[in-house]
Amino acid sequence: RALCALGGGRWTRVGGVVPGRRAQRPPAISMATTREDVSGTPLDVTLGGAAAAAAAKDDTSVRGKPSEEEIARRRAAKQAAREQSAKSNGEQPQKQQQPQKKKSAPRDPEAESAALREWAVAGTTLIDIGANLHGRGEYEDVVRQVDRAAEAGVSRVVLTGCDEAGSAKGRDVCERWAAEHHSGVATNEQRFFFTAGVHPHEASAFSDRTARTLESLYATSPLCVALGECGLDYDRMLAPRETQLAAFRAQAELAARLDAPLFVHCREKDADPASVENEKLGAYRDAVAVLRDAGVAPHRACVHCFTGDAEDLDAVLDFGAFVGLTGFVAIAKRSAATRAALRDAHERLLRGAQTTGEDAAASAPGGLLARLMIETDAPFMLPDKTWLPASTSKRLGLRGGRNEPAVLPAVARAVAAVLDTPVEAVARATTANAEAFFRFPSTDGVHEDDAPPGPPDAPR
């Protein structure tokens, strides 16, 4: 029935079946025009164009699709035939048009510089305490990003060391820039510094030799301002839990012995609403235990890129460590629990509630600001369009959705909104905290010894 309908043919009896009544499916009809029906009577079936095409398509699917080589051969034959036809008709053969790549708009350095200066937080400077630049770009690209950051009011950038080789490369980048610009670490001329550490993802590669290398980097280069990034990552768990704990413990003990600032990574298992087993693995609890057991002074530790909830934040504040905030707080879909924890802790501390840990300085009049620093964690943690609209990204010269230190003012503004605090206050507090933590010379004329909250040392 279907073949006759598609081919425009007339419905005729097939094997004694009355038209309009259901019957068992008849045997398949091939492309031949004459077949016998089930009673032996010859039956002439003429297929129209659509039916023939459908039958041919079905027959092709049975045979299988042509190979890639066969497809290429057919395309080449068609193209050759077109060129031959055009040549015989006296026409110029047309070349196959290749898809053109979309060209990005040309840069306007002067316009970008003006936009970056306008983007800065007025009246103060910022310090990006953690950026992953040197492991993902050449020296010239690192310098370009740091120069752009300076125009956006970011006076210093700390390059994060995540493994032995990356830490050494951070030293090379910073010392090369210092040599080219004749800057000194005890002045405000040096724009970027580095840390030396092994990330928990790389914990399996940590050894006694690694520990000696990190100690040498910190002891011999005045541009190495902290040990780390080290810690625990129970989310991705790229190294076994015990391996992470051992590498973290070794670096924490080294920091305590050298009285060095420690840049800590801590990530709990991401919550899965669909899972019935959604209990925490205790990353923050374990991290604080390691810091206590190793004898790390609370004001010498910073838990960077904080993404935890109220329980996690209380653990860090009770210990007395600094908290580093990134563009994560400016990503609305992901950071609701973190923003609520920060807001509640700030309000509680402003009311004068005392913490239960060893260091109650977090209950100062500035509330949570006394314990905060900010960072981009570039090229990761790009703020969402609420804080970094597409039009702004374009004016600032940002490309490819990549975060960079020049974006730090967006982080400051997002933190200010969470705490319901003027952005200038956030900028001043976080900059002073970073200067104290890393022992930088002050940018506002206040000597380090006057900067809260701990007893910072003179620059090494």
Foldseek 3Di string as FASTA:
>chain_A
DVQCVQQVHDDDDAPPDDPPDDDPDFPDDAPDQWDAGPVRHIDGDDGHPRSVVVRVVVVDVVVPDDDPVVVVVVVVVVLVVQCVVCVVVVHHRDDDDDDDDDDDDDDDVVLLLVLLLVQADPPAAAEAEEAAPQVPDPLVVQVVQLVLQVSNRHQAYEYEAAFLVSQVSQLVSQVVVCVVVVDDQQDSPRHYAYEAEHALLRLVVDDPVSLVSRLCSVVPDLRHLAYDPAFDAQAVCNDPRVSSLVRRLSSLLVCQVVVGAYEYEFHWHDADPVDPPRDIPCRLVSRLVSNVVSRRQQLSYEHACDQDALVSVLSNVQQPHAYEHALQLLAVVRRPRVLVNLQVQQVCLCVPDARNHPDRCCSPNRHNLLRYAYHHRWQPNDGDCVLQNPVSCVSNVHPDSGDGSSSRSSRLVSNCVSNVHDSVVSRVSNLLSVCLNSVGADPPPDGSCPGDDDRGDHRD
